[in-house]
Amino acid sequence: MGRNRQLLRVILTALFAAIIYIGIWILRIPIPAMVGRPFIHFGNTLMVLAILFLGGVWGGVAAAIGLGGFDVLNGYAATSWLTVSEVIVMALVVSALVRAFHHEDTRGHIIVIAVIAAITKVITSFIVATIEGFMAGMTFKPAVIAAFLSPPAAAINAVALAVIVPILYFLLRGAFRTVLRQ
């Protein structure tokens, strides 16, 4: 029975990785920025859902494959390590919140998790933009200023994450629990 459970986790991880990749690939709206090439997409929203449904490790692996794989295959390979670093931070934050709420997925808890995940995404995006500034040859102050002036895509993605995660979580929770019981 344990072997089937492990196989199911691997299958669901692969499924979430593919859904995350497709969620970025299908809807990708580029936004002008001082550093990097940000765009609006649903990959971060799907990443948080993967972490909520699969747990920090498996959800994080799915997100790293989906988001990192997208970067590698679509012209962002030089900064894919930053994307995977953001995934690790998000997996740690969301997992810590789930544990803090004792795995009780009430509406209030999921909304708080989504909002904190959105804030985390804005912070990690600022850090990533600063590092990308360094990679582009900027010194500290110009890199920080450029990162500060480049947040529209991160802000829009964060708002979408905060709104959409609770909605999709509660729409999919029953089906996901049914699959895990089998």
N, C-alpha and C. Protein backbone atom coordinates (compact mmCIF):
# COMPACT_ATOMS: atom_id res chain seq x y z
N MET A 1 0.82 -1.19 0.00
CA MET A 1 0.00 0.00 0.00
C MET A 1 0.87 1.26 0.00
N GLY A 2 1.97 1.25 0.78
CA GLY A 2 2.87 2.39 0.84
C GLY A 2 3.50 2.72 -0.50
N ARG A 3 3.78 1.66 -1.27
CA ARG A 3 4.40 1.86 -2.58
C ARG A 3 3.44 2.57 -3.53
N ASN A 4 2.15 2.21 -3.47
CA ASN A 4 1.15 2.88 -4.30
C ASN A 4 1.01 4.34 -3.91
N ARG A 5 1.09 4.63 -2.63
CA ARG A 5 0.99 6.00 -2.13
C ARG A 5 2.16 6.84 -2.65
N GLN A 6 3.34 6.26 -2.62
CA GLN A 6 4.53 6.95 -3.12
C GLN A 6 4.40 7.21 -4.62
N LEU A 7 3.94 6.24 -5.36
CA LEU A 7 3.73 6.40 -6.79
C LEU A 7 2.71 7.50 -7.07
N LEU A 8 1.65 7.54 -6.29
CA LEU A 8 0.63 8.58 -6.44
C LEU A 8 1.24 9.95 -6.20
N ARG A 9 2.09 10.09 -5.19
CA ARG A 9 2.76 11.37 -4.92
C ARG A 9 3.64 11.79 -6.10
N VAL A 10 4.37 10.85 -6.65
CA VAL A 10 5.22 11.16 -7.81
C VAL A 10 4.37 11.60 -9.00
N ILE A 11 3.28 10.89 -9.24
CA ILE A 11 2.38 11.23 -10.36
C ILE A 11 1.78 12.61 -10.15
N LEU A 12 1.30 12.90 -8.94
CA LEU A 12 0.71 14.22 -8.66
C LEU A 12 1.75 15.33 -8.75
N THR A 13 2.98 15.04 -8.34
CA THR A 13 4.06 16.02 -8.45
C THR A 13 4.33 16.33 -9.91
N ALA A 14 4.40 15.30 -10.74
CA ALA A 14 4.61 15.50 -12.18
C ALA A 14 3.45 16.26 -12.80
N LEU A 15 2.23 15.93 -12.39
CA LEU A 15 1.05 16.62 -12.90
C LEU A 15 1.08 18.10 -12.53
N PHE A 16 1.38 18.40 -11.27
CA PHE A 16 1.47 19.81 -10.86
C PHE A 16 2.60 20.53 -11.59
N ALA A 17 3.74 19.87 -11.79
CA ALA A 17 4.85 20.50 -12.53
C ALA A 17 4.39 20.88 -13.93
N ALA A 18 3.68 19.97 -14.58
CA ALA A 18 3.18 20.24 -15.94
C ALA A 18 2.14 21.36 -15.93
N ILE A 19 1.25 21.34 -14.95
CA ILE A 19 0.22 22.39 -14.86
C ILE A 19 0.86 23.75 -14.61
N ILE A 20 1.87 23.79 -13.75
CA ILE A 20 2.57 25.05 -13.48
C ILE A 20 3.24 25.56 -14.75
N TYR A 21 3.94 24.67 -15.45
CA TYR A 21 4.61 25.06 -16.69
C TYR A 21 3.59 25.62 -17.69
N ILE A 22 2.51 24.90 -17.87
CA ILE A 22 1.47 25.32 -18.82
C ILE A 22 0.81 26.62 -18.37
N GLY A 23 0.62 26.77 -17.05
CA GLY A 23 0.03 28.00 -16.51
C GLY A 23 0.87 29.23 -16.81
N ILE A 24 2.16 29.06 -16.94
CA ILE A 24 3.04 30.17 -17.31
C ILE A 24 3.05 30.33 -18.83
N TRP A 25 3.15 29.22 -19.53
CA TRP A 25 3.32 29.24 -20.98
C TRP A 25 2.09 29.80 -21.70
N ILE A 26 0.89 29.42 -21.23
CA ILE A 26 -0.33 29.84 -21.91
C ILE A 26 -0.61 31.32 -21.70
N LEU A 27 -0.53 31.78 -20.47
CA LEU A 27 -0.82 33.18 -20.19
C LEU A 27 0.44 33.84 -19.66
N ARG A 28 1.07 34.57 -20.52
CA ARG A 28 2.32 35.26 -20.16
C ARG A 28 2.27 36.64 -20.78
N ILE A 29 2.13 37.65 -19.92
CA ILE A 29 2.03 39.03 -20.40
C ILE A 29 3.28 39.77 -19.92
N PRO A 30 4.19 40.09 -20.85
CA PRO A 30 5.43 40.80 -20.47
C PRO A 30 5.13 42.21 -19.93
N ILE A 31 5.92 42.61 -18.94
CA ILE A 31 5.81 43.93 -18.32
C ILE A 31 7.18 44.60 -18.42
N PRO A 32 7.24 45.84 -18.89
CA PRO A 32 8.54 46.53 -18.93
C PRO A 32 9.11 46.72 -17.52
N ALA A 33 10.43 46.57 -17.39
CA ALA A 33 11.07 46.73 -16.09
C ALA A 33 12.49 47.22 -16.29
N MET A 34 13.04 47.82 -15.23
CA MET A 34 14.41 48.32 -15.26
C MET A 34 15.42 47.16 -15.33
N VAL A 35 15.11 46.08 -14.64
CA VAL A 35 15.99 44.90 -14.66
C VAL A 35 15.15 43.65 -14.87
N GLY A 36 15.74 42.68 -15.51
CA GLY A 36 15.04 41.42 -15.76
C GLY A 36 14.00 41.58 -16.86
N ARG A 37 13.25 40.50 -17.07
CA ARG A 37 12.17 40.50 -18.06
C ARG A 37 10.93 39.90 -17.42
N PRO A 38 10.33 40.63 -16.46
CA PRO A 38 9.18 40.07 -15.74
C PRO A 38 7.93 39.99 -16.61
N PHE A 39 7.03 39.13 -16.19
CA PHE A 39 5.75 39.01 -16.88
C PHE A 39 4.69 38.51 -15.92
N ILE A 40 3.45 38.80 -16.25
CA ILE A 40 2.32 38.34 -15.47
C ILE A 40 2.02 36.90 -15.88
N HIS A 41 1.78 36.04 -14.90
CA HIS A 41 1.48 34.63 -15.17
C HIS A 41 0.84 34.01 -13.94
N PHE A 42 0.37 32.77 -14.06
CA PHE A 42 -0.27 32.08 -12.95
C PHE A 42 0.62 31.02 -12.32
N GLY A 43 1.88 30.98 -12.67
CA GLY A 43 2.79 29.98 -12.12
C GLY A 43 2.92 30.05 -10.61
N ASN A 44 2.98 31.26 -10.06
CA ASN A 44 3.13 31.40 -8.60
C ASN A 44 1.88 30.95 -7.87
N THR A 45 0.72 31.26 -8.42
CA THR A 45 -0.54 30.80 -7.83
C THR A 45 -0.58 29.28 -7.81
N LEU A 46 -0.22 28.67 -8.92
CA LEU A 46 -0.23 27.21 -9.02
C LEU A 46 0.84 26.60 -8.11
N MET A 47 1.95 27.30 -7.94
CA MET A 47 3.00 26.82 -7.03
C MET A 47 2.45 26.72 -5.61
N VAL A 48 1.76 27.75 -5.14
CA VAL A 48 1.23 27.73 -3.78
C VAL A 48 0.19 26.61 -3.63
N LEU A 49 -0.63 26.42 -4.65
CA LEU A 49 -1.60 25.32 -4.61
C LEU A 49 -0.89 23.97 -4.52
N ALA A 50 0.17 23.80 -5.30
CA ALA A 50 0.94 22.55 -5.25
C ALA A 50 1.50 22.31 -3.86
N ILE A 51 2.01 23.36 -3.23
CA ILE A 51 2.57 23.22 -1.88
C ILE A 51 1.47 22.89 -0.88
N LEU A 52 0.31 23.53 -1.02
CA LEU A 52 -0.80 23.24 -0.11
C LEU A 52 -1.31 21.82 -0.27
N PHE A 53 -1.44 21.35 -1.49
CA PHE A 53 -1.99 20.02 -1.72
C PHE A 53 -0.98 18.90 -1.54
N LEU A 54 0.27 19.13 -1.92
CA LEU A 54 1.28 18.06 -1.88
C LEU A 54 2.24 18.16 -0.70
N GLY A 55 2.24 19.29 -0.01
CA GLY A 55 3.20 19.51 1.06
C GLY A 55 4.41 20.26 0.52
N GLY A 56 5.24 20.73 1.45
CA GLY A 56 6.38 21.56 1.07
C GLY A 56 7.38 20.89 0.16
N VAL A 57 7.71 19.64 0.46
CA VAL A 57 8.75 18.96 -0.34
C VAL A 57 8.23 18.62 -1.73
N TRP A 58 7.14 17.86 -1.81
CA TRP A 58 6.63 17.44 -3.11
C TRP A 58 6.10 18.64 -3.91
N GLY A 59 5.39 19.55 -3.25
CA GLY A 59 4.89 20.75 -3.93
C GLY A 59 6.04 21.64 -4.39
N GLY A 60 7.08 21.72 -3.55
CA GLY A 60 8.26 22.49 -3.94
C GLY A 60 8.98 21.88 -5.13
N VAL A 61 9.07 20.56 -5.16
CA VAL A 61 9.69 19.88 -6.31
C VAL A 61 8.87 20.15 -7.57
N ALA A 62 7.55 20.04 -7.47
CA ALA A 62 6.69 20.31 -8.63
C ALA A 62 6.88 21.73 -9.12
N ALA A 63 6.93 22.69 -8.19
CA ALA A 63 7.09 24.09 -8.56
C ALA A 63 8.48 24.36 -9.15
N ALA A 64 9.50 23.76 -8.56
CA ALA A 64 10.86 23.94 -9.09
C ALA A 64 10.96 23.40 -10.51
N ILE A 65 10.35 22.26 -10.76
CA ILE A 65 10.38 21.68 -12.10
C ILE A 65 9.56 22.54 -13.06
N GLY A 66 8.35 22.93 -12.64
CA GLY A 66 7.48 23.71 -13.52
C GLY A 66 8.01 25.10 -13.80
N LEU A 67 8.34 25.85 -12.75
CA LEU A 67 8.83 27.22 -12.93
C LEU A 67 10.27 27.24 -13.46
N GLY A 68 11.13 26.42 -12.84
CA GLY A 68 12.52 26.36 -13.29
C GLY A 68 12.64 25.81 -14.70
N GLY A 69 11.84 24.77 -14.99
CA GLY A 69 11.84 24.20 -16.35
C GLY A 69 11.38 25.21 -17.38
N PHE A 70 10.37 25.99 -17.03
CA PHE A 70 9.92 27.04 -17.95
C PHE A 70 11.07 28.00 -18.22
N ASP A 71 11.75 28.44 -17.18
CA ASP A 71 12.86 29.38 -17.36
C ASP A 71 13.93 28.80 -18.28
N VAL A 72 14.32 27.57 -18.01
CA VAL A 72 15.39 26.94 -18.81
C VAL A 72 14.99 26.82 -20.28
N LEU A 73 13.74 26.48 -20.54
CA LEU A 73 13.30 26.24 -21.92
C LEU A 73 12.80 27.48 -22.66
N ASN A 74 12.74 28.63 -21.98
CA ASN A 74 12.16 29.81 -22.62
C ASN A 74 13.01 31.07 -22.49
N GLY A 75 14.32 30.92 -22.47
CA GLY A 75 15.21 32.07 -22.52
C GLY A 75 15.56 32.71 -21.19
N TYR A 76 15.25 32.06 -20.09
CA TYR A 76 15.56 32.60 -18.77
C TYR A 76 16.53 31.68 -18.01
N ALA A 77 17.27 30.86 -18.73
CA ALA A 77 18.13 29.86 -18.09
C ALA A 77 19.15 30.49 -17.14
N ALA A 78 19.68 31.66 -17.49
CA ALA A 78 20.70 32.29 -16.66
C ALA A 78 20.18 32.65 -15.27
N THR A 79 18.88 32.84 -15.15
CA THR A 79 18.32 33.21 -13.85
C THR A 79 17.38 32.14 -13.28
N SER A 80 17.38 30.96 -13.87
CA SER A 80 16.49 29.90 -13.38
C SER A 80 16.83 29.51 -11.95
N TRP A 81 18.10 29.63 -11.57
CA TRP A 81 18.49 29.32 -10.19
C TRP A 81 17.81 30.28 -9.21
N LEU A 82 17.56 31.50 -9.63
CA LEU A 82 16.86 32.46 -8.77
C LEU A 82 15.39 32.04 -8.60
N THR A 83 14.80 31.57 -9.69
CA THR A 83 13.42 31.10 -9.63
C THR A 83 13.30 29.92 -8.68
N VAL A 84 14.21 28.98 -8.80
CA VAL A 84 14.19 27.81 -7.92
C VAL A 84 14.44 28.23 -6.47
N SER A 85 15.27 29.23 -6.25
CA SER A 85 15.50 29.76 -4.90
C SER A 85 14.21 30.35 -4.34
N GLU A 86 13.46 31.07 -5.18
CA GLU A 86 12.17 31.62 -4.75
C GLU A 86 11.20 30.50 -4.38
N VAL A 87 11.21 29.43 -5.16
CA VAL A 87 10.34 28.27 -4.87
C VAL A 87 10.68 27.70 -3.50
N ILE A 88 11.96 27.56 -3.20
CA ILE A 88 12.38 27.01 -1.91
C ILE A 88 11.88 27.90 -0.77
N VAL A 89 12.04 29.20 -0.93
CA VAL A 89 11.56 30.13 0.11
C VAL A 89 10.05 29.99 0.27
N MET A 90 9.33 29.95 -0.85
CA MET A 90 7.87 29.86 -0.78
C MET A 90 7.44 28.53 -0.14
N ALA A 91 8.11 27.45 -0.48
CA ALA A 91 7.77 26.15 0.11
C ALA A 91 8.00 26.18 1.63
N LEU A 92 9.07 26.81 2.05
CA LEU A 92 9.35 26.91 3.49
C LEU A 92 8.30 27.77 4.20
N VAL A 93 7.96 28.91 3.60
CA VAL A 93 6.99 29.82 4.22
C VAL A 93 5.61 29.19 4.29
N VAL A 94 5.13 28.65 3.17
CA VAL A 94 3.78 28.06 3.14
C VAL A 94 3.71 26.85 4.07
N SER A 95 4.73 26.00 4.05
CA SER A 95 4.76 24.83 4.93
C SER A 95 4.76 25.23 6.40
N ALA A 96 5.52 26.27 6.74
CA ALA A 96 5.55 26.75 8.13
C ALA A 96 4.18 27.27 8.55
N LEU A 97 3.49 27.95 7.64
CA LEU A 97 2.16 28.46 7.96
C LEU A 97 1.16 27.31 8.14
N VAL A 98 1.24 26.33 7.28
CA VAL A 98 0.34 25.16 7.40
C VAL A 98 0.57 24.49 8.75
N ARG A 99 1.83 24.31 9.14
CA ARG A 99 2.13 23.72 10.45
C ARG A 99 1.64 24.61 11.59
N ALA A 100 1.84 25.93 11.44
CA ALA A 100 1.39 26.86 12.48
C ALA A 100 -0.12 26.80 12.68
N PHE A 101 -0.84 26.51 11.60
CA PHE A 101 -2.30 26.37 11.68
C PHE A 101 -2.73 24.93 11.95
N HIS A 102 -1.76 24.09 12.32
CA HIS A 102 -2.02 22.69 12.68
C HIS A 102 -2.75 21.94 11.57
N HIS A 103 -2.43 22.25 10.33
CA HIS A 103 -3.00 21.60 9.15
C HIS A 103 -4.51 21.78 9.04
N GLU A 104 -5.06 22.75 9.72
CA GLU A 104 -6.50 23.05 9.63
C GLU A 104 -6.71 24.01 8.46
N ASP A 105 -7.37 23.53 7.43
CA ASP A 105 -7.53 24.35 6.22
C ASP A 105 -8.88 25.09 6.20
N THR A 106 -9.09 25.89 7.22
CA THR A 106 -10.29 26.71 7.25
C THR A 106 -10.14 27.84 6.24
N ARG A 107 -11.24 28.47 5.91
CA ARG A 107 -11.19 29.60 4.96
C ARG A 107 -10.21 30.67 5.44
N GLY A 108 -10.32 31.02 6.72
CA GLY A 108 -9.43 32.05 7.26
C GLY A 108 -7.97 31.68 7.15
N HIS A 109 -7.64 30.44 7.47
CA HIS A 109 -6.25 30.00 7.40
C HIS A 109 -5.72 30.04 5.97
N ILE A 110 -6.50 29.56 5.03
CA ILE A 110 -6.06 29.53 3.63
C ILE A 110 -5.92 30.95 3.10
N ILE A 111 -6.81 31.84 3.48
CA ILE A 111 -6.70 33.24 3.05
C ILE A 111 -5.43 33.87 3.62
N VAL A 112 -5.16 33.64 4.90
CA VAL A 112 -3.94 34.17 5.51
C VAL A 112 -2.71 33.60 4.81
N ILE A 113 -2.71 32.32 4.56
CA ILE A 113 -1.58 31.70 3.85
C ILE A 113 -1.40 32.34 2.48
N ALA A 114 -2.48 32.54 1.75
CA ALA A 114 -2.39 33.15 0.41
C ALA A 114 -1.86 34.57 0.48
N VAL A 115 -2.31 35.34 1.44
CA VAL A 115 -1.85 36.74 1.57
C VAL A 115 -0.38 36.79 1.95
N ILE A 116 0.02 35.95 2.90
CA ILE A 116 1.44 35.94 3.30
C ILE A 116 2.30 35.41 2.16
N ALA A 117 1.81 34.43 1.41
CA ALA A 117 2.54 33.94 0.23
C ALA A 117 2.70 35.07 -0.79
N ALA A 118 1.66 35.87 -0.97
CA ALA A 118 1.73 36.99 -1.92
C ALA A 118 2.77 38.02 -1.47
N ILE A 119 2.77 38.34 -0.18
CA ILE A 119 3.76 39.28 0.35
C ILE A 119 5.17 38.70 0.19
N THR A 120 5.31 37.42 0.47
CA THR A 120 6.60 36.75 0.30
C THR A 120 7.06 36.85 -1.14
N LYS A 121 6.14 36.67 -2.08
CA LYS A 121 6.48 36.74 -3.50
C LYS A 121 6.98 38.14 -3.87
N VAL A 122 6.35 39.18 -3.35
CA VAL A 122 6.80 40.54 -3.64
C VAL A 122 8.22 40.75 -3.10
N ILE A 123 8.46 40.26 -1.89
CA ILE A 123 9.79 40.41 -1.28
C ILE A 123 10.85 39.63 -2.07
N THR A 124 10.55 38.37 -2.39
CA THR A 124 11.54 37.58 -3.15
C THR A 124 11.76 38.15 -4.54
N SER A 125 10.71 38.71 -5.14
CA SER A 125 10.87 39.33 -6.47
C SER A 125 11.79 40.55 -6.40
N PHE A 126 11.67 41.32 -5.33
CA PHE A 126 12.56 42.47 -5.14
C PHE A 126 14.00 42.00 -5.00
N ILE A 127 14.21 40.97 -4.21
CA ILE A 127 15.57 40.43 -4.02
C ILE A 127 16.12 39.90 -5.34
N VAL A 128 15.28 39.16 -6.06
CA VAL A 128 15.71 38.62 -7.36
C VAL A 128 16.05 39.74 -8.33
N ALA A 129 15.22 40.77 -8.38
CA ALA A 129 15.49 41.90 -9.29
C ALA A 129 16.80 42.59 -8.91
N THR A 130 17.08 42.69 -7.62
CA THR A 130 18.35 43.28 -7.18
C THR A 130 19.52 42.43 -7.65
N ILE A 131 19.41 41.12 -7.47
CA ILE A 131 20.48 40.21 -7.92
C ILE A 131 20.64 40.29 -9.43
N GLU A 132 19.52 40.36 -10.17
CA GLU A 132 19.61 40.49 -11.62
C GLU A 132 20.31 41.80 -12.00
N GLY A 133 20.10 42.85 -11.22
CA GLY A 133 20.82 44.10 -11.44
C GLY A 133 22.31 43.91 -11.29
N PHE A 134 22.70 43.17 -10.24
CA PHE A 134 24.12 42.85 -10.06
C PHE A 134 24.64 42.05 -11.25
N MET A 135 23.85 41.10 -11.70
CA MET A 135 24.26 40.26 -12.84
C MET A 135 24.41 41.09 -14.11
N ALA A 136 23.66 42.19 -14.20
CA ALA A 136 23.74 43.07 -15.36
C ALA A 136 24.88 44.08 -15.23
N GLY A 137 25.60 44.03 -14.12
CA GLY A 137 26.76 44.90 -13.94
C GLY A 137 26.52 46.13 -13.10
N MET A 138 25.36 46.24 -12.48
CA MET A 138 25.08 47.39 -11.63
C MET A 138 25.78 47.24 -10.28
N THR A 139 26.05 48.38 -9.66
CA THR A 139 26.54 48.36 -8.28
C THR A 139 25.32 48.30 -7.36
N PHE A 140 25.56 48.25 -6.04
CA PHE A 140 24.48 48.01 -5.09
C PHE A 140 23.34 49.02 -5.19
N LYS A 141 23.65 50.30 -5.07
CA LYS A 141 22.59 51.31 -5.03
C LYS A 141 21.76 51.34 -6.31
N PRO A 142 22.37 51.37 -7.51
CA PRO A 142 21.55 51.34 -8.73
C PRO A 142 20.73 50.05 -8.86
N ALA A 143 21.29 48.92 -8.41
CA ALA A 143 20.56 47.65 -8.50
C ALA A 143 19.32 47.68 -7.60
N VAL A 144 19.47 48.22 -6.40
CA VAL A 144 18.33 48.31 -5.48
C VAL A 144 17.28 49.28 -6.01
N ILE A 145 17.73 50.42 -6.53
CA ILE A 145 16.79 51.40 -7.08
C ILE A 145 16.04 50.81 -8.28
N ALA A 146 16.77 50.15 -9.16
CA ALA A 146 16.13 49.53 -10.33
C ALA A 146 15.14 48.46 -9.89
N ALA A 147 15.50 47.66 -8.89
CA ALA A 147 14.60 46.62 -8.39
C ALA A 147 13.35 47.25 -7.78
N PHE A 148 13.53 48.35 -7.07
CA PHE A 148 12.40 49.04 -6.45
C PHE A 148 11.47 49.63 -7.50
N LEU A 149 12.01 50.03 -8.64
CA LEU A 149 11.20 50.63 -9.71
C LEU A 149 10.62 49.59 -10.68
N SER A 150 10.87 48.33 -10.44
CA SER A 150 10.45 47.28 -11.36
C SER A 150 9.44 46.29 -10.79
N PRO A 151 8.53 46.69 -9.91
CA PRO A 151 7.67 45.69 -9.29
C PRO A 151 6.30 45.43 -9.90
N PRO A 152 5.87 46.06 -11.00
CA PRO A 152 4.47 45.85 -11.42
C PRO A 152 4.08 44.40 -11.66
N ALA A 153 4.90 43.63 -12.33
CA ALA A 153 4.55 42.23 -12.60
C ALA A 153 4.45 41.45 -11.30
N ALA A 154 5.40 41.65 -10.39
CA ALA A 154 5.38 40.94 -9.11
C ALA A 154 4.14 41.32 -8.30
N ALA A 155 3.79 42.60 -8.32
CA ALA A 155 2.61 43.05 -7.57
C ALA A 155 1.33 42.45 -8.16
N ILE A 156 1.22 42.45 -9.47
CA ILE A 156 0.03 41.88 -10.11
C ILE A 156 -0.04 40.38 -9.86
N ASN A 157 1.09 39.69 -10.00
CA ASN A 157 1.12 38.25 -9.72
C ASN A 157 0.77 37.97 -8.26
N ALA A 158 1.24 38.82 -7.35
CA ALA A 158 0.96 38.63 -5.93
C ALA A 158 -0.52 38.82 -5.62
N VAL A 159 -1.13 39.84 -6.20
CA VAL A 159 -2.56 40.07 -5.97
C VAL A 159 -3.37 38.90 -6.52
N ALA A 160 -3.00 38.44 -7.72
CA ALA A 160 -3.69 37.28 -8.31
C ALA A 160 -3.54 36.07 -7.41
N LEU A 161 -2.34 35.85 -6.88
CA LEU A 161 -2.08 34.73 -5.99
C LEU A 161 -2.98 34.82 -4.76
N ALA A 162 -3.04 36.00 -4.12
CA ALA A 162 -3.82 36.17 -2.90
C ALA A 162 -5.31 35.94 -3.12
N VAL A 163 -5.80 36.28 -4.31
CA VAL A 163 -7.23 36.15 -4.60
C VAL A 163 -7.56 34.74 -5.10
N ILE A 164 -6.75 34.22 -6.02
CA ILE A 164 -7.09 32.98 -6.71
C ILE A 164 -6.80 31.72 -5.88
N VAL A 165 -5.73 31.73 -5.08
CA VAL A 165 -5.39 30.54 -4.30
C VAL A 165 -6.55 30.07 -3.43
N PRO A 166 -7.15 30.94 -2.61
CA PRO A 166 -8.26 30.43 -1.78
C PRO A 166 -9.44 29.90 -2.61
N ILE A 167 -9.75 30.57 -3.69
CA ILE A 167 -10.87 30.14 -4.54
C ILE A 167 -10.59 28.74 -5.11
N LEU A 168 -9.43 28.59 -5.75
CA LEU A 168 -9.10 27.29 -6.36
C LEU A 168 -8.89 26.21 -5.31
N TYR A 169 -8.33 26.58 -4.18
CA TYR A 169 -8.10 25.58 -3.13
C TYR A 169 -9.42 24.94 -2.72
N PHE A 170 -10.41 25.76 -2.44
CA PHE A 170 -11.68 25.20 -1.97
C PHE A 170 -12.48 24.54 -3.08
N LEU A 171 -12.26 24.96 -4.32
CA LEU A 171 -12.91 24.27 -5.45
C LEU A 171 -12.31 22.88 -5.67
N LEU A 172 -11.01 22.75 -5.45
CA LEU A 172 -10.31 21.50 -5.75
C LEU A 172 -10.10 20.58 -4.55
N ARG A 173 -10.27 21.09 -3.35
CA ARG A 173 -9.95 20.33 -2.14
C ARG A 173 -10.67 18.98 -2.07
N GLY A 174 -11.96 18.95 -2.35
CA GLY A 174 -12.71 17.70 -2.27
C GLY A 174 -12.19 16.66 -3.24
N ALA A 175 -11.96 17.07 -4.48
CA ALA A 175 -11.45 16.14 -5.49
C ALA A 175 -10.06 15.64 -5.11
N PHE A 176 -9.24 16.52 -4.60
CA PHE A 176 -7.89 16.14 -4.23
C PHE A 176 -7.90 15.15 -3.07
N ARG A 177 -8.74 15.39 -2.09
CA ARG A 177 -8.83 14.46 -0.95
C ARG A 177 -9.33 13.10 -1.40
N THR A 178 -10.25 13.08 -2.35
CA THR A 178 -10.76 11.80 -2.88
C THR A 178 -9.64 11.03 -3.55
N VAL A 179 -8.81 11.70 -4.32
CA VAL A 179 -7.70 11.04 -5.00
C VAL A 179 -6.70 10.49 -3.99
N LEU A 180 -6.41 11.25 -2.95
CA LEU A 180 -5.44 10.80 -1.95
C LEU A 180 -5.93 9.64 -1.12
N ARG A 181 -7.25 9.49 -0.97
CA ARG A 181 -7.80 8.39 -0.18
C ARG A 181 -7.71 7.06 -0.90
N GLN A 182 -7.55 7.08 -2.19
CA GLN A 182 -7.56 5.83 -2.96
C GLN A 182 -6.27 5.09 -2.87
